[in-house]
Each structure stands twice: as structure tokens, then as C-alpha cells.
């Protein structure tokens, strides 16, 4: 990824936190069960690195997502489906 995402140390830490977030999700078995662990990881990371760290972490997670998807078009289609589901649910709650 390179230093364009921030300092090498920040990039290293963001990469390690990204891996820990994914591992927490895998170990928990469900998104709901993983949330508590993931929130704790994110809180500690934000406390240490602040807004700049969040930007770097999002860039690292995005790169990880695209790299692991392998099929960017398929990923985009899945994201579109996710967005539609979220918007549909939000509209349902407003009624």
C-alpha cells in the first residue's frame, strides 16, 4: 500500500487492526457477537491515532475488501444490493 496512506507506523498499525477486526468477526460467528470486540478494538485505535488513523484504517479496509473480492464488478453489485437493503429497511422504519 505504501506510505501514501500515512506514516509507515500508522499504516502498519492500521493493517494490524484491520486484520484483528476481520479475525474478531470470524471468531465470533456472527456480526452481532463480533460487535463488542470490534468496538473495543476501534475505540483503542481511535484513542491512539484519532481522525488521521481512522482515514488510514478505512483506506486499508477498503484495499483489503477489493483485494479479497477478486471480482470488483461482483463486489460493486453486492454493495449495491447492500445499499438497497439498507435504504429499504430505513424507509420501512420511517412508516
PDB file of N, CA and C in Angstrom:
ATOM      1  N   UNK A   1       0.805  -1.189   0.000  1.00  0.00           N
ATOM      2  CA  UNK A   1       0.000   0.000   0.000  1.00  0.00           C
ATOM      3  C   UNK A   1       0.851   1.256   0.000  1.00  0.00           C
ATOM      4  N   UNK A   2       1.935   1.255   0.737  1.00  0.00           N
ATOM      5  CA  UNK A   2       2.863   2.363   0.693  1.00  0.00           C
ATOM      6  C   UNK A   2       2.519   3.479   1.637  1.00  0.00           C
ATOM      7  N   UNK A   3       3.443   4.405   1.755  1.00  0.00           N
ATOM      8  CA  UNK A   3       3.330   5.496   2.715  1.00  0.00           C
ATOM      9  C   UNK A   3       2.311   6.544   2.302  1.00  0.00           C
ATOM     10  N   UNK A   4       1.704   6.444   1.140  1.00  0.00           N
ATOM     11  CA  UNK A   4       0.727   7.432   0.712  1.00  0.00           C
ATOM     12  C   UNK A   4      -0.512   7.439   1.598  1.00  0.00           C
ATOM     13  N   UNK A   5      -0.722   6.389   2.382  1.00  0.00           N
ATOM     14  CA  UNK A   5      -1.851   6.342   3.305  1.00  0.00           C
ATOM     15  C   UNK A   5      -1.508   6.953   4.649  1.00  0.00           C
ATOM     16  N   UNK A   6      -0.287   7.339   4.873  1.00  0.00           N
ATOM     17  CA  UNK A   6       0.143   7.899   6.142  1.00  0.00           C
ATOM     18  C   UNK A   6       1.526   7.383   6.466  1.00  0.00           C
ATOM     19  N   UNK A   7       1.960   7.648   7.687  1.00  0.00           N
ATOM     20  CA  UNK A   7       3.284   7.182   8.079  1.00  0.00           C
ATOM     21  C   UNK A   7       3.334   5.658   8.051  1.00  0.00           C
ATOM     22  N   UNK A   8       4.543   5.129   7.907  1.00  0.00           N
ATOM     23  CA  UNK A   8       4.686   3.671   7.871  1.00  0.00           C
ATOM     24  C   UNK A   8       4.175   3.032   9.153  1.00  0.00           C
ATOM     25  N   UNK A   9       4.453   3.659  10.317  1.00  0.00           N
ATOM     26  CA  UNK A   9       3.979   3.108  11.587  1.00  0.00           C
ATOM     27  C   UNK A   9       2.455   3.100  11.649  1.00  0.00           C
ATOM     28  N   UNK A  10       1.848   4.192  11.214  1.00  0.00           N
ATOM     29  CA  UNK A  10       0.391   4.275  11.211  1.00  0.00           C
ATOM     30  C   UNK A  10      -0.198   3.249  10.251  1.00  0.00           C
ATOM     31  N   UNK A  11       0.399   3.109   9.100  1.00  0.00           N
ATOM     32  CA  UNK A  11      -0.065   2.124   8.125  1.00  0.00           C
ATOM     33  C   UNK A  11       0.065   0.707   8.681  1.00  0.00           C
ATOM     34  N   UNK A  12       1.179   0.434   9.352  1.00  0.00           N
ATOM     35  CA  UNK A  12       1.365  -0.885   9.971  1.00  0.00           C
ATOM     36  C   UNK A  12       0.292  -1.152  11.012  1.00  0.00           C
ATOM     37  N   UNK A  13       0.060  -0.168  11.898  1.00  0.00           N
ATOM     38  CA  UNK A  13      -0.951  -0.353  12.944  1.00  0.00           C
ATOM     39  C   UNK A  13      -2.347  -0.505  12.350  1.00  0.00           C
ATOM     40  N   UNK A  14      -2.660   0.286  11.328  1.00  0.00           N
ATOM     41  CA  UNK A  14      -3.969   0.178  10.676  1.00  0.00           C
ATOM     42  C   UNK A  14      -4.141  -1.201  10.054  1.00  0.00           C
ATOM     43  N   UNK A  15      -3.092  -1.715   9.454  1.00  0.00           N
ATOM     44  CA  UNK A  15      -3.159  -3.046   8.843  1.00  0.00           C
ATOM     45  C   UNK A  15      -3.384  -4.122   9.895  1.00  0.00           C
ATOM     46  N   UNK A  16      -2.708  -3.993  11.038  1.00  0.00           N
ATOM     47  CA  UNK A  16      -2.888  -4.969  12.117  1.00  0.00           C
ATOM     48  C   UNK A  16      -4.292  -4.896  12.713  1.00  0.00           C
ATOM     49  N   UNK A  17      -4.818  -3.690  12.878  1.00  0.00           N
ATOM     50  CA  UNK A  17      -6.182  -3.541  13.403  1.00  0.00           C
ATOM     51  C   UNK A  17      -7.194  -4.082  12.398  1.00  0.00           C
ATOM     52  N   UNK A  18      -6.988  -3.833  11.121  1.00  0.00           N
ATOM     53  CA  UNK A  18      -7.886  -4.376  10.095  1.00  0.00           C
ATOM     54  C   UNK A  18      -7.920  -5.895  10.179  1.00  0.00           C
ATOM     55  N   UNK A  19      -6.755  -6.505  10.318  1.00  0.00           N
ATOM     56  CA  UNK A  19      -6.695  -7.965  10.444  1.00  0.00           C
ATOM     57  C   UNK A  19      -7.406  -8.427  11.708  1.00  0.00           C
ATOM     58  N   UNK A  20      -7.220  -7.704  12.805  1.00  0.00           N
ATOM     59  CA  UNK A  20      -7.868  -8.071  14.068  1.00  0.00           C
ATOM     60  C   UNK A  20      -9.388  -7.945  13.971  1.00  0.00           C
ATOM     61  N   UNK A  21      -9.867  -6.930  13.265  1.00  0.00           N
ATOM     62  CA  UNK A  21     -11.313  -6.765  13.086  1.00  0.00           C
ATOM     63  C   UNK A  21     -11.907  -7.933  12.310  1.00  0.00           C
ATOM     64  N   UNK A  22     -11.232  -8.344  11.258  1.00  0.00           N
ATOM     65  CA  UNK A  22     -11.712  -9.474  10.456  1.00  0.00           C
ATOM     66  C   UNK A  22     -11.655 -10.761  11.276  1.00  0.00           C
ATOM     67  N   UNK A  23     -10.569 -10.953  12.012  1.00  0.00           N
ATOM     68  CA  UNK A  23     -10.449 -12.159  12.844  1.00  0.00           C
ATOM     69  C   UNK A  23     -11.518 -12.188  13.935  1.00  0.00           C
ATOM     70  N   UNK A  24     -11.833 -11.038  14.516  1.00  0.00           N
ATOM     71  CA  UNK A  24     -12.873 -10.974  15.548  1.00  0.00           C
ATOM     72  C   UNK A  24     -14.212 -11.402  14.974  1.00  0.00           C
ATOM     73  N   UNK A  25     -14.488 -10.967  13.758  1.00  0.00           N
ATOM     74  CA  UNK A  25     -15.749 -11.344  13.105  1.00  0.00           C
ATOM     75  C   UNK A  25     -15.785 -12.838  12.838  1.00  0.00           C
ATOM     76  N   UNK A  26     -14.679 -13.379  12.353  1.00  0.00           N
ATOM     77  CA  UNK A  26     -14.613 -14.812  12.044  1.00  0.00           C
ATOM     78  C   UNK A  26     -14.740 -15.651  13.308  1.00  0.00           C
ATOM     79  N   UNK A  27     -14.102 -15.235  14.381  1.00  0.00           N
ATOM     80  CA  UNK A  27     -14.125 -15.996  15.631  1.00  0.00           C
ATOM     81  C   UNK A  27     -15.490 -15.944  16.302  1.00  0.00           C
ATOM     82  N   UNK A  28     -16.186 -14.830  16.158  1.00  0.00           N
ATOM     83  CA  UNK A  28     -17.468 -14.663  16.837  1.00  0.00           C
ATOM     84  C   UNK A  28     -18.580 -15.461  16.171  1.00  0.00           C
ATOM     85  N   UNK A  29     -18.487 -15.676  14.888  1.00  0.00           N
ATOM     86  CA  UNK A  29     -19.509 -16.440  14.192  1.00  0.00           C
ATOM     87  C   UNK A  29     -20.673 -15.618  13.678  1.00  0.00           C
ATOM     88  N   UNK A  30     -20.862 -14.424  14.209  1.00  0.00           N
ATOM     89  CA  UNK A  30     -21.930 -13.553  13.712  1.00  0.00           C
ATOM     90  C   UNK A  30     -21.514 -12.103  13.884  1.00  0.00           C
ATOM     91  N   UNK A  31     -22.111 -11.251  13.085  1.00  0.00           N
ATOM     92  CA  UNK A  31     -21.797  -9.826  13.166  1.00  0.00           C
ATOM     93  C   UNK A  31     -22.180  -9.256  14.527  1.00  0.00           C
ATOM     94  N   UNK A  32     -23.308  -9.686  15.052  1.00  0.00           N
ATOM     95  CA  UNK A  32     -23.778  -9.180  16.342  1.00  0.00           C
ATOM     96  C   UNK A  32     -22.809  -9.553  17.457  1.00  0.00           C
ATOM     97  N   UNK A  33     -22.376 -10.795  17.478  1.00  0.00           N
ATOM     98  CA  UNK A  33     -21.454 -11.250  18.520  1.00  0.00           C
ATOM     99  C   UNK A  33     -20.093 -10.577  18.401  1.00  0.00           C
ATOM    100  N   UNK A  34     -19.683 -10.239  17.198  1.00  0.00           N
ATOM    101  CA  UNK A  34     -18.373  -9.624  16.980  1.00  0.00           C
ATOM    102  C   UNK A  34     -18.348  -8.150  17.344  1.00  0.00           C
ATOM    103  N   UNK A  35     -19.498  -7.512  17.379  1.00  0.00           N
ATOM    104  CA  UNK A  35     -19.559  -6.065  17.554  1.00  0.00           C
ATOM    105  C   UNK A  35     -18.844  -5.586  18.809  1.00  0.00           C
ATOM    106  N   UNK A  36     -19.058  -6.232  19.931  1.00  0.00           N
ATOM    107  CA  UNK A  36     -18.444  -5.786  21.186  1.00  0.00           C
ATOM    108  C   UNK A  36     -16.917  -5.796  21.085  1.00  0.00           C
ATOM    109  N   UNK A  37     -16.368  -6.862  20.557  1.00  0.00           N
ATOM    110  CA  UNK A  37     -14.913  -6.962  20.405  1.00  0.00           C
ATOM    111  C   UNK A  37     -14.418  -5.923  19.409  1.00  0.00           C
ATOM    112  N   UNK A  38     -15.113  -5.785  18.302  1.00  0.00           N
ATOM    113  CA  UNK A  38     -14.693  -4.839  17.272  1.00  0.00           C
ATOM    114  C   UNK A  38     -14.765  -3.399  17.774  1.00  0.00           C
ATOM    115  N   UNK A  39     -15.797  -3.068  18.529  1.00  0.00           N
ATOM    116  CA  UNK A  39     -15.916  -1.719  19.083  1.00  0.00           C
ATOM    117  C   UNK A  39     -14.757  -1.435  20.034  1.00  0.00           C
ATOM    118  N   UNK A  40     -14.393  -2.412  20.843  1.00  0.00           N
ATOM    119  CA  UNK A  40     -13.252  -2.247  21.739  1.00  0.00           C
ATOM    120  C   UNK A  40     -11.957  -2.003  20.978  1.00  0.00           C
ATOM    121  N   UNK A  41     -11.744  -2.770  19.920  1.00  0.00           N
ATOM    122  CA  UNK A  41     -10.555  -2.574  19.085  1.00  0.00           C
ATOM    123  C   UNK A  41     -10.549  -1.184  18.452  1.00  0.00           C
ATOM    124  N   UNK A  42     -11.692  -0.786  17.924  1.00  0.00           N
ATOM    125  CA  UNK A  42     -11.786   0.526  17.281  1.00  0.00           C
ATOM    126  C   UNK A  42     -11.611   1.665  18.277  1.00  0.00           C
ATOM    127  N   UNK A  43     -12.207   1.539  19.457  1.00  0.00           N
ATOM    128  CA  UNK A  43     -12.060   2.582  20.477  1.00  0.00           C
ATOM    129  C   UNK A  43     -10.597   2.793  20.847  1.00  0.00           C
ATOM    130  N   UNK A  44      -9.872   1.700  21.059  1.00  0.00           N
ATOM    131  CA  UNK A  44      -8.450   1.802  21.407  1.00  0.00           C
ATOM    132  C   UNK A  44      -7.653   2.423  20.258  1.00  0.00           C
ATOM    133  N   UNK A  45      -7.977   2.042  19.044  1.00  0.00           N
ATOM    134  CA  UNK A  45      -7.276   2.568  17.870  1.00  0.00           C
ATOM    135  C   UNK A  45      -7.538   4.065  17.711  1.00  0.00           C
ATOM    136  N   UNK A  46      -8.798   4.474  17.823  1.00  0.00           N
ATOM    137  CA  UNK A  46      -9.160   5.887  17.678  1.00  0.00           C
ATOM    138  C   UNK A  46      -8.520   6.716  18.790  1.00  0.00           C
ATOM    139  N   UNK A  47      -8.499   6.195  19.995  1.00  0.00           N
ATOM    140  CA  UNK A  47      -7.874   6.919  21.107  1.00  0.00           C
ATOM    141  C   UNK A  47      -6.394   7.166  20.817  1.00  0.00           C
ATOM    142  N   UNK A  48      -5.756   6.206  20.214  1.00  0.00           N
ATOM    143  CA  UNK A  48      -4.320   6.321  19.931  1.00  0.00           C
ATOM    144  C   UNK A  48      -4.026   7.176  18.702  1.00  0.00           C
ATOM    145  N   UNK A  49      -4.826   7.029  17.633  1.00  0.00           N
ATOM    146  CA  UNK A  49      -4.481   7.661  16.358  1.00  0.00           C
ATOM    147  C   UNK A  49      -5.441   8.750  15.890  1.00  0.00           C
ATOM    148  N   UNK A  50      -6.601   8.875  16.489  1.00  0.00           N
ATOM    149  CA  UNK A  50      -7.529   9.934  16.131  1.00  0.00           C
ATOM    150  C   UNK A  50      -8.072   9.836  14.713  1.00  0.00           C
ATOM    151  N   UNK A  51      -8.491  11.002  14.199  1.00  0.00           N
ATOM    152  CA  UNK A  51      -9.137  11.058  12.884  1.00  0.00           C
ATOM    153  C   UNK A  51      -8.205  10.614  11.760  1.00  0.00           C
ATOM    154  N   UNK A  52      -6.933  11.002  11.824  1.00  0.00           N
ATOM    155  CA  UNK A  52      -5.997  10.583  10.773  1.00  0.00           C
ATOM    156  C   UNK A  52      -5.912   9.062  10.724  1.00  0.00           C
ATOM    157  N   UNK A  53      -5.860   8.445  11.891  1.00  0.00           N
ATOM    158  CA  UNK A  53      -5.814   6.989  11.954  1.00  0.00           C
ATOM    159  C   UNK A  53      -7.055   6.352  11.361  1.00  0.00           C
ATOM    160  N   UNK A  54      -8.212   6.979  11.588  1.00  0.00           N
ATOM    161  CA  UNK A  54      -9.462   6.446  11.032  1.00  0.00           C
ATOM    162  C   UNK A  54      -9.435   6.482   9.513  1.00  0.00           C
ATOM    163  N   UNK A  55      -8.922   7.565   8.960  1.00  0.00           N
ATOM    164  CA  UNK A  55      -8.834   7.661   7.497  1.00  0.00           C
ATOM    165  C   UNK A  55      -7.931   6.564   6.938  1.00  0.00           C
ATOM    166  N   UNK A  56      -6.814   6.339   7.604  1.00  0.00           N
ATOM    167  CA  UNK A  56      -5.882   5.308   7.146  1.00  0.00           C
ATOM    168  C   UNK A  56      -6.516   3.925   7.292  1.00  0.00           C
ATOM    169  N   UNK A  57      -7.201   3.680   8.408  1.00  0.00           N
ATOM    170  CA  UNK A  57      -7.848   2.386   8.623  1.00  0.00           C
ATOM    171  C   UNK A  57      -8.908   2.120   7.559  1.00  0.00           C
ATOM    172  N   UNK A  58      -9.696   3.121   7.231  1.00  0.00           N
ATOM    173  CA  UNK A  58     -10.714   2.948   6.186  1.00  0.00           C
ATOM    174  C   UNK A  58     -10.052   2.637   4.846  1.00  0.00           C
ATOM    175  N   UNK A  59      -8.958   3.310   4.534  1.00  0.00           N
ATOM    176  CA  UNK A  59      -8.244   3.026   3.281  1.00  0.00           C
ATOM    177  C   UNK A  59      -7.710   1.598   3.268  1.00  0.00           C
ATOM    178  N   UNK A  60      -7.165   1.150   4.389  1.00  0.00           N
ATOM    179  CA  UNK A  60      -6.635  -0.215   4.483  1.00  0.00           C
ATOM    180  C   UNK A  60      -7.762  -1.233   4.340  1.00  0.00           C
ATOM    181  N   UNK A  61      -8.879  -1.001   5.025  1.00  0.00           N
ATOM    182  CA  UNK A  61     -10.014  -1.928   4.941  1.00  0.00           C
ATOM    183  C   UNK A  61     -10.598  -1.967   3.529  1.00  0.00           C
ATOM    184  N   UNK A  62     -10.662  -0.814   2.878  1.00  0.00           N
ATOM    185  CA  UNK A  62     -11.162  -0.769   1.505  1.00  0.00           C
ATOM    186  C   UNK A  62     -10.252  -1.557   0.575  1.00  0.00           C
ATOM    187  N   UNK A  63      -8.956  -1.366   0.727  1.00  0.00           N
ATOM    188  CA  UNK A  63      -7.997  -2.105  -0.100  1.00  0.00           C
ATOM    189  C   UNK A  63      -8.115  -3.605   0.154  1.00  0.00           C
ATOM    190  N   UNK A  64      -8.260  -3.983   1.414  1.00  0.00           N
ATOM    191  CA  UNK A  64      -8.421  -5.397   1.774  1.00  0.00           C
ATOM    192  C   UNK A  64      -9.681  -5.970   1.130  1.00  0.00           C
ATOM    193  N   UNK A  65     -10.766  -5.236   1.212  1.00  0.00           N
ATOM    194  CA  UNK A  65     -12.030  -5.681   0.641  1.00  0.00           C
ATOM    195  C   UNK A  65     -11.915  -5.888  -0.865  1.00  0.00           C
ATOM    196  N   UNK A  66     -11.360  -4.914  -1.552  1.00  0.00           N
ATOM    197  CA  UNK A  66     -11.230  -5.014  -3.005  1.00  0.00           C
ATOM    198  C   UNK A  66     -10.276  -6.141  -3.386  1.00  0.00           C
ATOM    199  N   UNK A  67      -9.164  -6.250  -2.681  1.00  0.00           N
ATOM    200  CA  UNK A  67      -8.179  -7.290  -2.975  1.00  0.00           C
ATOM    201  C   UNK A  67      -8.763  -8.679  -2.757  1.00  0.00           C
ATOM    202  N   UNK A  68      -9.459  -8.865  -1.657  1.00  0.00           N
ATOM    203  CA  UNK A  68     -10.005 -10.175  -1.334  1.00  0.00           C
ATOM    204  C   UNK A  68     -11.201 -10.530  -2.201  1.00  0.00           C
ATOM    205  N   UNK A  69     -11.917  -9.529  -2.663  1.00  0.00           N
ATOM    206  CA  UNK A  69     -13.082  -9.794  -3.509  1.00  0.00           C
ATOM    207  C   UNK A  69     -12.651 -10.412  -4.836  1.00  0.00           C
ATOM    208  N   UNK A  70     -11.506  -9.973  -5.349  1.00  0.00           N
ATOM    209  CA  UNK A  70     -11.020 -10.515  -6.613  1.00  0.00           C
ATOM    210  C   UNK A  70     -11.841 -10.055  -7.803  1.00  0.00           C
ATOM    211  N   UNK A  71     -13.120  -9.972  -7.642  1.00  0.00           N
ATOM    212  CA  UNK A  71     -14.042  -9.585  -8.704  1.00  0.00           C
ATOM    213  C   UNK A  71     -14.658  -8.247  -8.309  1.00  0.00           C
ATOM    214  N   UNK A  72     -14.057  -7.167  -8.757  1.00  0.00           N
ATOM    215  CA  UNK A  72     -14.517  -5.843  -8.356  1.00  0.00           C
ATOM    216  C   UNK A  72     -15.948  -5.594  -8.820  1.00  0.00           C
ATOM    217  N   UNK A  73     -16.295  -6.044 -10.012  1.00  0.00           N
ATOM    218  CA  UNK A  73     -17.665  -5.860 -10.502  1.00  0.00           C
ATOM    219  C   UNK A  73     -18.660  -6.604  -9.611  1.00  0.00           C
ATOM    220  N   UNK A  74     -18.307  -7.817  -9.207  1.00  0.00           N
ATOM    221  CA  UNK A  74     -19.159  -8.570  -8.290  1.00  0.00           C
ATOM    222  C   UNK A  74     -19.279  -7.878  -6.946  1.00  0.00           C
ATOM    223  N   UNK A  75     -18.169  -7.318  -6.472  1.00  0.00           N
ATOM    224  CA  UNK A  75     -18.173  -6.574  -5.218  1.00  0.00           C
ATOM    225  C   UNK A  75     -19.097  -5.367  -5.320  1.00  0.00           C
ATOM    226  N   UNK A  76     -19.000  -4.634  -6.419  1.00  0.00           N
ATOM    227  CA  UNK A  76     -19.861  -3.466  -6.610  1.00  0.00           C
ATOM    228  C   UNK A  76     -21.334  -3.864  -6.658  1.00  0.00           C
ATOM    229  N   UNK A  77     -21.638  -4.972  -7.301  1.00  0.00           N
ATOM    230  CA  UNK A  77     -23.022  -5.451  -7.351  1.00  0.00           C
ATOM    231  C   UNK A  77     -23.504  -5.816  -5.951  1.00  0.00           C
ATOM    232  N   UNK A  78     -22.648  -6.463  -5.174  1.00  0.00           N
ATOM    233  CA  UNK A  78     -23.004  -6.808  -3.800  1.00  0.00           C
ATOM    234  C   UNK A  78     -23.217  -5.577  -2.941  1.00  0.00           C
ATOM    235  N   UNK A  79     -22.374  -4.550  -3.132  1.00  0.00           N
ATOM    236  CA  UNK A  79     -22.534  -3.305  -2.384  1.00  0.00           C
ATOM    237  C   UNK A  79     -23.830  -2.600  -2.764  1.00  0.00           C
ATOM    238  N   UNK A  80     -24.167  -2.648  -4.038  1.00  0.00           N
ATOM    239  CA  UNK A  80     -25.423  -2.050  -4.489  1.00  0.00           C
ATOM    240  C   UNK A  80     -26.612  -2.753  -3.827  1.00  0.00           C
ATOM    241  N   UNK A  81     -26.536  -4.060  -3.746  1.00  0.00           N
ATOM    242  CA  UNK A  81     -27.590  -4.841  -3.091  1.00  0.00           C
ATOM    243  C   UNK A  81     -27.671  -4.486  -1.604  1.00  0.00           C
ATOM    244  N   UNK A  82     -26.519  -4.338  -0.963  1.00  0.00           N
ATOM    245  CA  UNK A  82     -26.471  -3.952   0.446  1.00  0.00           C
ATOM    246  C   UNK A  82     -27.094  -2.574   0.653  1.00  0.00           C
ATOM    247  N   UNK A  83     -26.717  -1.615  -0.196  1.00  0.00           N
ATOM    248  CA  UNK A  83     -27.264  -0.263  -0.095  1.00  0.00           C
ATOM    249  C   UNK A  83     -28.780  -0.266  -0.256  1.00  0.00           C
ATOM    250  N   UNK A  84     -29.273  -1.007  -1.227  1.00  0.00           N
ATOM    251  CA  UNK A  84     -30.709  -1.089  -1.460  1.00  0.00           C
ATOM    252  C   UNK A  84     -31.416  -1.667  -0.238  1.00  0.00           C
ATOM    253  N   UNK A  85     -30.835  -2.711   0.344  1.00  0.00           N
ATOM    254  CA  UNK A  85     -31.420  -3.313   1.537  1.00  0.00           C
ATOM    255  C   UNK A  85     -31.474  -2.348   2.705  1.00  0.00           C
ATOM    256  N   UNK A  86     -30.401  -1.591   2.900  1.00  0.00           N
ATOM    257  CA  UNK A  86     -30.346  -0.618   3.996  1.00  0.00           C
ATOM    258  C   UNK A  86     -31.375   0.485   3.778  1.00  0.00           C
ATOM    259  N   UNK A  87     -31.437   1.012   2.560  1.00  0.00           N
ATOM    260  CA  UNK A  87     -32.393   2.076   2.270  1.00  0.00           C
ATOM    261  C   UNK A  87     -33.830   1.591   2.393  1.00  0.00           C
ATOM    262  N   UNK A  88     -34.100   0.387   1.933  1.00  0.00           N
ATOM    263  CA  UNK A  88     -35.437  -0.188   2.041  1.00  0.00           C
ATOM    264  C   UNK A  88     -35.834  -0.349   3.501  1.00  0.00           C
ATOM    265  N   UNK A  89     -34.923  -0.842   4.315  1.00  0.00           N
ATOM    266  CA  UNK A  89     -35.200  -1.018   5.746  1.00  0.00           C
ATOM    267  C   UNK A  89     -35.406   0.330   6.430  1.00  0.00           C
ATOM    268  N   UNK A  90     -34.631   1.335   6.061  1.00  0.00           N
ATOM    269  CA  UNK A  90     -34.783   2.670   6.642  1.00  0.00           C
ATOM    270  C   UNK A  90     -36.148   3.253   6.289  1.00  0.00           C
ATOM    271  N   UNK A  91     -36.575   3.070   5.051  1.00  0.00           N
ATOM    272  CA  UNK A  91     -37.893   3.556   4.644  1.00  0.00           C
ATOM    273  C   UNK A  91     -38.995   2.820   5.392  1.00  0.00           C
ATOM    274  N   UNK A  92     -38.815   1.526   5.601  1.00  0.00           N
ATOM    275  CA  UNK A  92     -39.810   0.742   6.327  1.00  0.00           C
ATOM    276  C   UNK A  92     -39.946   1.261   7.759  1.00  0.00           C
ATOM    277  N   UNK A  93     -38.830   1.590   8.393  1.00  0.00           N
ATOM    278  CA  UNK A  93     -38.863   2.084   9.777  1.00  0.00           C
ATOM    279  C   UNK A  93     -39.517   3.452   9.878  1.00  0.00           C
ATOM    280  N   UNK A  94     -39.410   4.267   8.825  1.00  0.00           N
ATOM    281  CA  UNK A  94     -39.987   5.609   8.837  1.00  0.00           C
ATOM    282  C   UNK A  94     -41.507   5.592   8.765  1.00  0.00           C
ATOM    283  N   UNK A  95     -42.061   4.509   8.289  1.00  0.00           N
ATOM    284  CA  UNK A  95     -43.524   4.437   8.111  1.00  0.00           C
ATOM    285  C   UNK A  95     -44.231   4.204   9.397  1.00  0.00           C
TER     286      UNK A  95
END
